[in-house]
Amino acid sequence: MKRVIVFSMVVAVLVMALSGVALAGTSPQDIYNDYADNGKLDGTYTDAQLQAYLDDATVHGYGDESTVDELDALVTSMLTGEDRSEFPFTGMEMALLAVGALALIGAGVVLRKASR
C-alpha cells in the first residue's frame, strides 16, 4: 500500500512540475491580439505557430470577422508551400492511446495483486 501512495505522490509532483512547459508557447490568441492592436504582426512566429493560428476554431469563432479575415490572408501568405488540404497523421495519437491502455491494464494488475 505504501508503494501505491508513494507512486501516486511522485506522479502528482511530476505533473505539477512539468505542466508549465505546455503553457509556455505562443497561443493563437496571442497572434490575434498582436495583429488586432495595430494591424501588423510585431512578433516573430514560427510556421508551426502560424499554422496553429489558422487551425484554431476559437479565434475564428469569437474574433472580429474583418480582423480574422485580414489576418488569415496575411498568415496564409506568410506560410509558403504548405498544403492544408490533408490532416497530417503522425501516429502519435495511437501511441498515446496505447500507452494509456497499458498503464490502465498495469494499474489493474497491481491493484488486484495488492488486494490479495
Protein backbone atom coordinates (compact mmCIF):
# COMPACT_ATOMS: atom_id res chain seq x y z
CA MET A 1 0.00 0.00 0.00
CA LYS A 2 2.90 2.35 0.74
CA ARG A 3 4.22 1.85 -2.78
CA VAL A 4 0.93 2.91 -4.34
CA ILE A 5 0.79 6.06 -2.21
CA VAL A 6 4.41 6.95 -2.94
CA PHE A 7 3.92 6.28 -6.65
CA SER A 8 0.79 8.47 -6.71
CA MET A 9 2.60 11.29 -4.96
CA VAL A 10 5.57 11.10 -7.35
CA VAL A 11 3.22 11.22 -10.35
CA ALA A 12 1.33 14.18 -8.87
CA VAL A 13 4.56 16.11 -8.25
CA LEU A 14 5.82 15.42 -11.78
CA VAL A 15 2.54 16.53 -13.34
CA MET A 16 2.60 19.79 -11.38
CA ALA A 17 6.28 20.40 -12.12
CA LEU A 18 6.06 19.77 -15.86
CA SER A 19 2.64 21.22 -16.71
CA GLY A 20 4.01 24.76 -17.07
CA VAL A 21 6.08 23.70 -20.08
CA ALA A 22 2.92 23.08 -22.09
CA LEU A 23 1.71 26.62 -21.41
CA ALA A 24 4.95 28.35 -22.38
CA GLY A 25 4.34 28.64 -26.14
CA THR A 26 2.60 31.33 -28.13
CA SER A 27 -1.12 30.74 -28.40
CA PRO A 28 -3.27 31.53 -31.44
CA GLN A 29 -4.98 34.17 -29.28
CA ASP A 30 -1.61 35.91 -28.81
CA ILE A 31 -1.15 36.11 -32.59
CA TYR A 32 -4.67 37.51 -32.98
CA ASN A 33 -4.09 40.09 -30.21
CA ASP A 34 -0.76 41.11 -31.76
CA TYR A 35 -2.44 41.81 -35.10
CA ALA A 36 -5.59 43.39 -33.61
CA ASP A 37 -3.74 46.07 -31.65
CA ASN A 38 -2.19 47.85 -34.68
CA GLY A 39 -2.91 45.85 -37.85
CA LYS A 40 0.62 44.36 -38.00
CA LEU A 41 2.32 41.27 -36.68
CA ASP A 42 5.06 42.72 -34.50
CA GLY A 43 6.24 39.41 -33.02
CA THR A 44 8.31 36.68 -34.61
CA TYR A 45 6.32 33.50 -35.08
CA THR A 46 7.32 30.08 -36.37
CA ASP A 47 5.46 28.33 -39.17
CA ALA A 48 4.03 25.90 -36.61
CA GLN A 49 2.62 28.76 -34.52
CA LEU A 50 1.09 30.40 -37.58
CA GLN A 51 -0.38 27.08 -38.68
CA ALA A 52 -1.82 26.62 -35.18
CA TYR A 53 -3.49 30.02 -35.52
CA LEU A 54 -5.07 29.01 -38.83
CA ASP A 55 -6.34 25.75 -37.30
CA ASP A 56 -7.74 27.36 -34.13
CA ALA A 57 -11.54 27.39 -34.05
CA THR A 58 -11.85 29.62 -31.00
CA VAL A 59 -10.18 32.68 -32.52
CA HIS A 60 -12.06 32.21 -35.77
CA GLY A 61 -15.37 31.77 -33.96
CA TYR A 62 -15.11 34.64 -31.48
CA GLY A 63 -12.72 37.12 -33.09
CA ASP A 64 -13.79 40.18 -35.06
CA GLU A 65 -14.69 38.89 -38.53
CA SER A 66 -12.89 41.58 -40.52
CA THR A 67 -9.74 41.28 -38.38
CA VAL A 68 -9.76 37.49 -38.67
CA ASP A 69 -10.19 37.66 -42.47
CA GLU A 70 -7.29 40.09 -42.85
CA LEU A 71 -5.06 38.10 -40.50
CA ASP A 72 -5.93 34.84 -42.25
CA ALA A 73 -4.86 36.31 -45.58
CA LEU A 74 -1.62 37.62 -44.06
CA VAL A 75 -0.77 34.34 -42.30
CA THR A 76 -1.58 32.29 -45.40
CA SER A 77 0.73 34.47 -47.47
CA MET A 78 3.48 34.05 -44.86
CA LEU A 79 3.21 30.27 -44.99
CA THR A 80 4.68 29.10 -48.26
CA GLY A 81 4.47 25.68 -49.82
CA GLU A 82 2.15 24.14 -47.25
CA ASP A 83 -0.84 22.17 -48.43
CA ARG A 84 -3.63 22.35 -45.86
CA SER A 85 -5.99 20.01 -47.73
CA GLU A 86 -4.90 16.99 -45.68
CA PHE A 87 -4.66 16.45 -41.96
CA PRO A 88 -1.23 15.04 -41.17
CA PHE A 89 -1.30 11.67 -39.42
CA THR A 90 1.81 11.02 -37.39
CA GLY A 91 0.66 8.02 -35.38
CA MET A 92 1.32 9.88 -32.13
CA GLU A 93 -2.36 9.73 -31.18
CA MET A 94 -2.38 5.95 -31.45
CA ALA A 95 0.86 5.69 -29.48
CA LEU A 96 -0.60 7.81 -26.66
CA LEU A 97 -3.73 5.67 -26.57
CA ALA A 98 -1.63 2.51 -26.43
CA VAL A 99 0.46 3.89 -23.56
CA GLY A 100 -2.70 4.89 -21.70
CA ALA A 101 -4.24 1.45 -22.21
CA LEU A 102 -1.10 -0.28 -20.97
CA ALA A 103 -0.99 2.00 -17.92
CA LEU A 104 -4.61 1.16 -17.07
CA ILE A 105 -4.02 -2.57 -17.52
CA GLY A 106 -0.87 -2.40 -15.41
CA ALA A 107 -2.64 -0.45 -12.68
CA GLY A 108 -5.41 -3.04 -12.66
CA VAL A 109 -2.95 -5.90 -12.30
CA VAL A 110 -1.10 -4.11 -9.48
CA LEU A 111 -4.32 -3.34 -7.62
CA ARG A 112 -5.56 -6.90 -8.00
CA LYS A 113 -2.29 -8.35 -6.63
CA ALA A 114 -2.18 -5.78 -3.83
CA SER A 115 -5.72 -6.62 -2.73
CA ARG A 116 -4.87 -10.30 -2.13
